[in-house]
N, C-alpha and C. Protein backbone atom coordinates (compact mmCIF):
# COMPACT_ATOMS: atom_id res chain seq x y z
N MET A 1 -2.76 89.38 357.82
CA MET A 1 -3.93 88.51 357.29
C MET A 1 -3.14 87.36 356.72
N THR A 2 -3.54 86.04 356.72
CA THR A 2 -3.13 85.02 356.56
C THR A 2 -3.28 84.92 354.81
N SER A 3 -2.55 84.32 353.76
CA SER A 3 -2.74 84.44 352.65
C SER A 3 -3.41 82.75 352.35
N VAL A 4 -3.76 82.80 351.38
CA VAL A 4 -4.19 81.33 351.09
C VAL A 4 -3.44 81.03 350.13
N PRO A 5 -2.85 79.52 350.19
CA PRO A 5 -2.39 78.83 349.67
C PRO A 5 -2.76 78.44 348.52
N THR A 6 -2.13 78.38 347.03
CA THR A 6 -2.58 78.48 345.81
C THR A 6 -2.42 76.70 345.80
N LEU A 7 -3.63 75.94 345.54
CA LEU A 7 -3.91 74.67 345.60
C LEU A 7 -3.61 74.13 343.96
N SER A 8 -3.25 73.10 343.71
CA SER A 8 -4.06 72.19 342.11
C SER A 8 -3.77 71.06 342.42
N GLY A 9 -4.65 70.43 342.78
CA GLY A 9 -4.18 68.94 342.86
C GLY A 9 -5.51 68.07 342.50
N ARG A 10 -5.69 66.44 342.54
CA ARG A 10 -6.44 65.95 342.27
C ARG A 10 -7.21 64.66 343.08
N VAL A 11 -8.05 63.91 343.01
CA VAL A 11 -8.38 63.14 343.74
C VAL A 11 -8.14 61.52 343.07
N LEU A 12 -7.32 60.88 343.92
CA LEU A 12 -6.91 59.47 343.72
C LEU A 12 -7.76 58.42 343.74
N ALA A 13 -8.26 58.67 344.75
CA ALA A 13 -9.48 57.63 345.40
C ALA A 13 -10.46 57.83 346.49
N VAL A 14 -11.52 57.75 346.41
CA VAL A 14 -12.23 57.89 347.43
C VAL A 14 -13.00 56.47 348.25
N SER A 15 -12.38 56.43 349.38
CA SER A 15 -12.91 55.37 350.36
C SER A 15 -13.68 55.88 351.69
N ILE A 16 -14.34 54.58 351.55
CA ILE A 16 -15.14 54.43 353.21
C ILE A 16 -15.16 52.89 354.11
N SER A 17 -15.98 53.08 354.88
CA SER A 17 -15.84 52.02 355.77
C SER A 17 -17.25 51.84 356.81
N ASP A 18 -17.57 50.75 356.93
CA ASP A 18 -18.80 51.01 357.64
C ASP A 18 -18.32 50.84 359.26
N ARG A 19 -17.31 50.78 359.41
CA ARG A 19 -16.52 50.60 361.04
C ARG A 19 -15.44 51.23 360.90
N LYS A 20 -15.15 52.00 362.42
CA LYS A 20 -14.20 52.83 362.76
C LYS A 20 -12.96 51.70 362.79
N GLY A 21 -11.28 52.06 362.68
CA GLY A 21 -10.40 51.38 363.06
C GLY A 21 -10.04 50.32 361.81
N ILE A 22 -10.53 50.52 360.90
CA ILE A 22 -9.99 49.46 359.86
C ILE A 22 -9.68 50.20 358.68
N LYS A 23 -9.28 49.36 357.55
CA LYS A 23 -9.02 49.99 356.56
C LYS A 23 -10.27 50.26 355.32
N LYS A 24 -10.27 51.22 354.71
CA LYS A 24 -11.47 51.65 353.88
C LYS A 24 -11.37 50.86 352.87
N ARG A 25 -12.41 50.85 351.96
CA ARG A 25 -12.44 50.03 350.58
C ARG A 25 -12.71 51.30 349.53
N ASN A 26 -12.09 51.16 348.47
CA ASN A 26 -12.55 52.45 347.46
C ASN A 26 -13.79 52.31 346.93
N VAL A 27 -14.42 53.16 346.50
CA VAL A 27 -15.77 53.10 345.93
C VAL A 27 -15.48 54.14 344.79
N ASP A 28 -16.29 54.00 343.48
CA ASP A 28 -16.18 54.78 342.44
C ASP A 28 -16.42 56.54 342.42
N GLN A 29 -17.40 56.36 343.15
CA GLN A 29 -17.89 57.93 343.96
C GLN A 29 -17.89 57.84 345.27
N GLY A 30 -18.54 59.24 346.07
CA GLY A 30 -18.80 59.29 347.15
C GLY A 30 -19.69 60.71 347.31
N GLU A 31 -20.71 60.70 348.16
CA GLU A 31 -21.20 62.07 348.16
C GLU A 31 -21.00 62.77 349.25
N LEU A 32 -20.38 63.92 349.23
CA LEU A 32 -19.82 64.84 350.53
C LEU A 32 -21.19 66.02 350.98
N LYS A 33 -21.51 65.81 352.41
CA LYS A 33 -22.60 66.38 352.46
C LYS A 33 -22.07 67.00 353.74
N ALA A 34 -22.85 68.51 353.29
CA ALA A 34 -22.55 69.70 354.08
C ALA A 34 -23.03 69.23 355.49
N GLY A 35 -22.02 69.80 356.72
CA GLY A 35 -22.55 69.21 358.35
C GLY A 35 -22.16 67.79 358.50
N HIS A 36 -21.65 66.52 357.76
CA HIS A 36 -22.27 65.17 357.99
C HIS A 36 -20.49 64.84 357.62
N GLY A 37 -20.35 65.10 356.12
CA GLY A 37 -19.19 64.00 355.69
C GLY A 37 -19.51 63.15 354.36
N LEU A 38 -18.59 61.98 354.30
CA LEU A 38 -18.73 61.30 353.43
C LEU A 38 -20.14 60.55 353.63
N SER A 39 -20.92 60.56 352.95
CA SER A 39 -22.01 59.41 353.02
C SER A 39 -21.49 57.83 353.04
N GLY A 40 -22.24 56.89 353.79
CA GLY A 40 -21.68 55.59 354.07
C GLY A 40 -20.52 55.30 354.75
N ASP A 41 -19.65 56.15 355.39
CA ASP A 41 -18.73 56.29 356.45
C ASP A 41 -18.74 56.42 357.90
N ALA A 42 -18.19 55.33 358.46
CA ALA A 42 -18.40 55.33 359.71
C ALA A 42 -18.22 56.33 360.51
N HIS A 43 -17.07 57.37 359.62
CA HIS A 43 -16.30 58.85 360.60
C HIS A 43 -17.06 59.88 360.73
N ALA A 44 -18.52 59.67 359.30
CA ALA A 44 -19.22 61.15 359.33
C ALA A 44 -20.34 61.14 360.37
N GLY A 45 -20.29 62.81 360.65
CA GLY A 45 -21.25 62.92 361.33
C GLY A 45 -21.01 64.26 362.07
N PRO A 46 -21.61 64.97 362.88
CA PRO A 46 -21.61 66.44 363.11
C PRO A 46 -20.30 66.83 363.96
N TRP A 47 -19.12 66.53 363.34
CA TRP A 47 -17.75 67.22 364.31
C TRP A 47 -16.87 67.26 363.51
N HIS A 48 -15.79 68.00 363.85
CA HIS A 48 -14.87 68.77 363.29
C HIS A 48 -13.85 67.42 362.28
N ARG A 49 -13.67 66.24 362.18
CA ARG A 49 -13.49 65.56 361.55
C ARG A 49 -13.94 64.45 360.70
N GLN A 50 -14.83 65.16 359.93
CA GLN A 50 -15.63 64.72 359.07
C GLN A 50 -14.88 63.80 357.99
N VAL A 51 -14.37 64.60 357.49
CA VAL A 51 -13.42 63.32 356.30
C VAL A 51 -12.35 63.48 356.72
N SER A 52 -11.32 62.64 355.68
CA SER A 52 -9.83 62.51 356.09
C SER A 52 -9.34 62.64 354.79
N LEU A 53 -7.89 62.66 354.73
CA LEU A 53 -7.23 63.31 353.34
C LEU A 53 -6.10 63.12 353.70
N LEU A 54 -5.47 61.85 352.45
CA LEU A 54 -4.19 61.87 352.70
C LEU A 54 -3.26 61.86 351.29
N ASP A 55 -2.17 62.33 351.05
CA ASP A 55 -1.69 62.49 349.68
C ASP A 55 -1.03 61.51 349.48
N MET A 56 -0.84 60.95 348.33
CA MET A 56 0.14 59.73 347.90
C MET A 56 1.33 59.88 348.15
N GLN A 57 1.67 60.92 347.86
CA GLN A 57 3.04 61.28 348.55
C GLN A 57 3.78 60.83 349.62
N SER A 58 2.65 60.77 350.77
CA SER A 58 3.20 60.15 352.35
C SER A 58 2.83 58.73 352.16
N ILE A 59 1.92 58.16 351.14
CA ILE A 59 1.79 56.52 351.37
C ILE A 59 2.91 56.11 350.48
N GLN A 60 3.50 56.47 349.76
CA GLN A 60 4.76 56.18 348.92
C GLN A 60 6.04 55.95 349.81
N LYS A 61 5.73 56.99 351.00
CA LYS A 61 6.63 57.29 352.27
C LYS A 61 7.00 55.66 352.92
N ILE A 62 5.95 55.00 352.83
CA ILE A 62 5.30 53.72 354.01
C ILE A 62 6.30 52.34 352.68
N GLN A 63 5.51 53.10 351.62
CA GLN A 63 5.60 51.99 350.47
C GLN A 63 7.38 51.76 350.29
N ALA A 64 8.19 52.53 350.36
CA ALA A 64 9.03 52.91 350.34
C ALA A 64 10.05 51.97 351.46
N LYS A 65 9.59 52.02 352.49
CA LYS A 65 10.20 50.93 353.85
C LYS A 65 9.72 49.49 353.08
N GLY A 66 8.95 49.42 351.97
CA GLY A 66 9.04 47.88 352.18
C GLY A 66 7.60 47.36 352.50
N LEU A 67 6.58 47.95 352.58
CA LEU A 67 4.82 47.64 352.80
C LEU A 67 4.31 47.97 351.84
N ASP A 68 3.38 46.78 351.43
CA ASP A 68 2.56 46.73 350.05
C ASP A 68 1.13 47.64 350.73
N VAL A 69 1.29 48.77 351.00
CA VAL A 69 0.17 49.64 351.06
C VAL A 69 -0.57 50.34 349.88
N VAL A 70 -1.72 50.61 349.93
CA VAL A 70 -2.57 50.86 348.80
C VAL A 70 -3.75 52.54 349.48
N CYS A 71 -4.45 52.87 348.79
CA CYS A 71 -5.10 54.12 348.85
C CYS A 71 -6.18 53.03 349.66
N GLY A 72 -6.72 54.35 351.21
CA GLY A 72 -7.57 53.25 351.81
C GLY A 72 -7.04 52.80 353.31
N ASP A 73 -5.46 52.16 352.89
CA ASP A 73 -5.08 51.76 354.31
C ASP A 73 -5.27 52.36 354.99
N PHE A 74 -4.96 53.51 355.14
CA PHE A 74 -4.10 54.29 356.44
C PHE A 74 -5.61 54.84 356.89
N ALA A 75 -7.24 54.67 356.74
CA ALA A 75 -8.25 54.88 356.67
C ALA A 75 -8.84 55.93 356.30
N GLU A 76 -7.96 56.88 355.17
CA GLU A 76 -8.34 57.71 354.46
C GLU A 76 -9.31 57.67 353.74
N ASN A 77 -10.48 59.22 353.61
CA ASN A 77 -11.65 58.96 352.74
C ASN A 77 -11.15 59.24 351.15
N ILE A 78 -10.15 60.42 351.31
CA ILE A 78 -9.78 60.59 350.07
C ILE A 78 -8.26 60.98 350.33
N THR A 79 -7.87 60.39 349.07
CA THR A 79 -6.77 60.13 349.10
C THR A 79 -6.09 61.14 347.78
N THR A 80 -5.31 61.97 348.14
CA THR A 80 -4.73 62.74 346.72
C THR A 80 -3.68 62.92 346.16
N GLU A 81 -3.36 63.64 345.17
CA GLU A 81 -2.01 63.83 344.63
C GLU A 81 -1.49 65.31 344.18
N GLY A 82 -0.78 65.64 344.67
CA GLY A 82 -0.45 66.95 344.01
C GLY A 82 -0.14 67.88 344.96
N ILE A 83 -0.61 67.49 346.66
CA ILE A 83 -0.95 68.71 347.44
C ILE A 83 -0.26 68.41 348.66
N ARG A 84 0.91 68.93 349.30
CA ARG A 84 1.46 68.85 350.69
C ARG A 84 0.14 68.88 351.61
N LEU A 85 -0.35 68.22 351.80
CA LEU A 85 -1.52 68.53 352.72
C LEU A 85 -1.23 68.87 354.23
N TRP A 86 -0.34 68.41 354.94
CA TRP A 86 0.11 68.56 355.97
C TRP A 86 0.88 69.77 356.27
N GLU A 87 0.83 70.56 355.21
CA GLU A 87 1.16 71.93 355.14
C GLU A 87 0.22 73.08 355.23
N LEU A 88 -1.19 72.75 355.16
CA LEU A 88 -2.09 73.26 354.94
C LEU A 88 -2.66 74.27 356.09
N PRO A 89 -2.60 75.33 356.39
CA PRO A 89 -3.02 75.53 357.69
C PRO A 89 -4.66 75.74 357.94
N VAL A 90 -4.96 75.25 359.11
CA VAL A 90 -6.03 75.40 359.32
C VAL A 90 -6.88 76.27 359.23
N GLY A 91 -8.08 76.01 358.37
CA GLY A 91 -8.99 76.90 357.93
C GLY A 91 -9.07 77.04 356.45
N THR A 92 -8.11 76.71 355.64
CA THR A 92 -7.86 76.37 354.11
C THR A 92 -9.20 75.46 354.04
N ARG A 93 -10.10 76.47 352.88
CA ARG A 93 -10.87 76.11 351.88
C ARG A 93 -10.71 75.91 350.19
N MET A 94 -11.22 74.58 350.13
CA MET A 94 -11.02 73.73 349.31
C MET A 94 -12.02 73.25 348.24
N ARG A 95 -12.06 73.54 347.21
CA ARG A 95 -13.01 72.88 346.09
C ARG A 95 -13.02 71.52 345.58
N ILE A 96 -13.97 70.59 345.71
CA ILE A 96 -13.10 69.04 345.01
C ILE A 96 -14.31 68.90 344.47
N GLY A 97 -13.86 68.31 343.48
CA GLY A 97 -14.96 68.23 342.23
C GLY A 97 -15.47 69.33 341.68
N ASP A 98 -16.62 69.76 341.17
CA ASP A 98 -17.26 70.78 340.83
C ASP A 98 -18.15 71.39 342.31
N SER A 99 -18.55 70.80 342.63
CA SER A 99 -19.65 71.51 343.78
C SER A 99 -18.89 71.70 345.13
N ALA A 100 -18.28 70.58 345.80
CA ALA A 100 -17.89 70.34 347.22
C ALA A 100 -16.96 71.39 347.61
N LEU A 101 -17.42 71.71 349.03
CA LEU A 101 -16.27 72.93 349.30
C LEU A 101 -16.19 71.95 350.86
N VAL A 102 -14.60 72.30 351.37
CA VAL A 102 -14.44 71.52 352.43
C VAL A 102 -13.48 73.09 353.20
N GLU A 103 -13.46 72.27 354.39
CA GLU A 103 -12.46 73.74 355.05
C GLU A 103 -11.60 72.34 355.70
N VAL A 104 -10.49 72.46 355.84
CA VAL A 104 -9.37 72.11 356.76
C VAL A 104 -9.82 72.66 358.22
N THR A 105 -9.95 71.61 359.26
CA THR A 105 -9.93 71.76 360.74
C THR A 105 -9.16 71.17 361.69
N GLN A 106 -8.09 70.39 361.22
CA GLN A 106 -6.97 69.70 361.94
C GLN A 106 -6.06 69.07 361.03
N ILE A 107 -4.57 69.02 361.43
CA ILE A 107 -3.70 68.61 361.11
C ILE A 107 -2.88 67.41 361.46
N GLY A 108 -3.21 66.56 361.33
CA GLY A 108 -2.76 65.13 361.90
C GLY A 108 -3.20 64.92 362.83
N LYS A 109 -3.50 63.71 363.68
CA LYS A 109 -4.36 63.14 364.69
C LYS A 109 -3.22 62.53 366.11
N GLU A 110 -3.78 62.56 367.08
CA GLU A 110 -2.60 61.46 368.22
C GLU A 110 -3.09 60.16 367.55
N CYS A 111 -2.42 59.48 367.79
CA CYS A 111 -2.33 57.76 367.32
C CYS A 111 -2.67 57.19 368.59
N HIS A 112 -3.84 56.97 369.41
CA HIS A 112 -3.77 56.25 370.52
C HIS A 112 -3.16 54.48 370.90
N GLN A 113 -3.55 54.33 369.79
CA GLN A 113 -3.12 52.63 369.55
C GLN A 113 -2.29 52.41 368.01
N ARG A 114 -1.22 52.12 368.45
CA ARG A 114 -0.21 51.69 367.10
C ARG A 114 -1.13 50.88 366.44
N CYS A 115 -1.12 51.34 364.85
CA CYS A 115 -1.73 50.56 363.95
C CYS A 115 -1.16 49.20 363.31
N THR A 116 -1.70 48.51 362.27
CA THR A 116 -0.85 47.22 362.14
C THR A 116 0.63 47.77 361.34
N ILE A 117 0.29 49.03 360.56
CA ILE A 117 1.45 49.93 359.45
C ILE A 117 2.66 49.99 360.75
N PHE A 118 2.17 50.81 361.53
CA PHE A 118 3.21 51.23 362.21
C PHE A 118 3.86 50.10 362.88
N HIS A 119 3.30 48.68 363.59
CA HIS A 119 3.71 47.57 364.06
C HIS A 119 4.78 46.70 362.85
N GLN A 120 4.32 46.94 361.41
CA GLN A 120 5.09 46.57 360.34
C GLN A 120 6.40 47.51 359.94
N VAL A 121 6.31 48.50 360.14
CA VAL A 121 7.31 49.97 359.44
C VAL A 121 8.17 49.79 360.63
N GLY A 122 7.59 50.49 361.77
CA GLY A 122 7.83 51.21 362.55
C GLY A 122 7.56 52.77 362.37
N ASP A 123 6.26 53.12 361.84
CA ASP A 123 6.03 54.51 361.25
C ASP A 123 4.43 54.21 360.71
N CYS A 124 4.07 55.62 360.92
CA CYS A 124 3.14 55.58 360.29
C CYS A 124 2.96 57.16 359.91
N VAL A 125 2.18 57.38 358.43
CA VAL A 125 1.93 58.76 358.22
C VAL A 125 0.79 59.48 358.42
N MET A 126 -0.27 58.88 358.67
CA MET A 126 -1.43 59.47 359.10
C MET A 126 -1.16 60.40 360.01
N PRO A 127 -0.77 59.76 361.25
CA PRO A 127 -0.87 60.95 362.51
C PRO A 127 -0.09 62.52 362.37
N ARG A 128 0.79 62.33 361.32
CA ARG A 128 1.78 63.55 360.97
C ARG A 128 1.12 64.29 359.72
N GLU A 129 0.85 63.43 358.70
CA GLU A 129 0.60 64.43 357.36
C GLU A 129 -0.64 64.20 357.12
N GLY A 130 -1.70 63.43 357.54
CA GLY A 130 -3.30 63.43 357.38
C GLY A 130 -3.91 64.40 357.76
N ILE A 131 -5.04 64.94 357.53
CA ILE A 131 -5.55 65.75 357.29
C ILE A 131 -6.99 65.87 357.62
N PHE A 132 -7.65 66.54 358.24
CA PHE A 132 -9.36 66.39 358.16
C PHE A 132 -10.04 67.61 357.84
N VAL A 133 -11.19 67.32 357.30
CA VAL A 133 -12.08 68.54 356.78
C VAL A 133 -13.21 68.51 357.28
N ARG A 134 -13.97 69.62 357.49
CA ARG A 134 -15.76 69.61 357.38
C ARG A 134 -16.26 70.11 356.29
N VAL A 135 -17.16 69.32 356.02
CA VAL A 135 -18.18 69.71 354.25
C VAL A 135 -18.97 70.78 354.98
N LEU A 136 -18.45 71.60 354.04
CA LEU A 136 -19.43 73.34 353.86
C LEU A 136 -20.63 73.04 352.46
N THR A 137 -20.14 72.26 351.87
CA THR A 137 -21.35 72.31 350.37
C THR A 137 -21.14 71.15 350.20
N ASP A 138 -22.41 70.45 349.99
CA ASP A 138 -22.57 69.55 349.29
C ASP A 138 -22.07 68.92 347.90
N GLY A 139 -21.59 67.54 347.47
CA GLY A 139 -21.00 67.59 346.05
C GLY A 139 -20.81 66.22 346.08
N MET A 140 -20.59 65.83 345.07
CA MET A 140 -20.26 64.52 344.38
C MET A 140 -18.42 64.60 344.11
N VAL A 141 -17.77 62.91 345.01
CA VAL A 141 -16.51 63.01 344.23
C VAL A 141 -16.10 61.96 343.88
N GLN A 142 -15.07 61.81 343.23
CA GLN A 142 -14.83 60.43 342.43
C GLN A 142 -12.86 61.23 341.60
N PRO A 143 -12.55 59.46 341.81
CA PRO A 143 -11.12 60.23 340.98
C PRO A 143 -10.92 60.49 339.88
N GLY A 144 -9.96 61.51 339.89
CA GLY A 144 -9.83 62.37 338.76
C GLY A 144 -10.24 63.40 339.12
N ASP A 145 -11.02 64.06 340.32
CA ASP A 145 -11.45 65.17 340.27
C ASP A 145 -10.21 66.34 341.09
N ARG A 146 -10.47 67.09 340.57
CA ARG A 146 -9.42 68.49 340.32
C ARG A 146 -9.97 69.13 342.25
N ILE A 147 -8.85 69.25 342.85
CA ILE A 147 -8.58 69.78 344.16
C ILE A 147 -7.99 71.30 343.69
N THR A 148 -9.17 72.36 344.50
CA THR A 148 -8.35 73.59 344.18
C THR A 148 -8.94 74.91 345.35
N SER A 149 -7.63 75.71 345.74
CA SER A 149 -8.54 76.60 346.88
C SER A 149 -9.26 77.37 346.17
N VAL A 150 -10.04 77.91 347.49
CA VAL A 150 -10.73 78.79 347.12
C VAL A 150 -10.45 80.03 348.52
N PRO A 151 -10.48 81.48 347.96
CA PRO A 151 -10.15 81.92 348.63
C PRO A 151 -11.20 82.32 350.04
């Protein structure tokens, strides 16, 4: 039996875009909808990659290479702090804020077209360290919300 990792992190930013393939803009809060994803985001829908997450540690790796990137620039919906997201096993469940429940469905992604970040610094962390989740229970999410593991 696989043990559930103990998580304790927080949300730094919530970001959405109305089109795929572009940077996302930060919003004050977002609504996570079960079976759909983050309301108002182009990637939301009935599939396994409803919401994307990237930890600030990952963004800082690219900042250290001299690129001025911020939350949302990697097209992530939720920027986190304090969780090595890429180490979580698929199936991990997390509570975000007071009520939203999500489940990890994919670690990383194949990058078919190199993004602007890759062309500028020769690397992009989202394909390796970003994760995707599906929303199991509705809830609001905003910067400062806690993220915890759920058995």
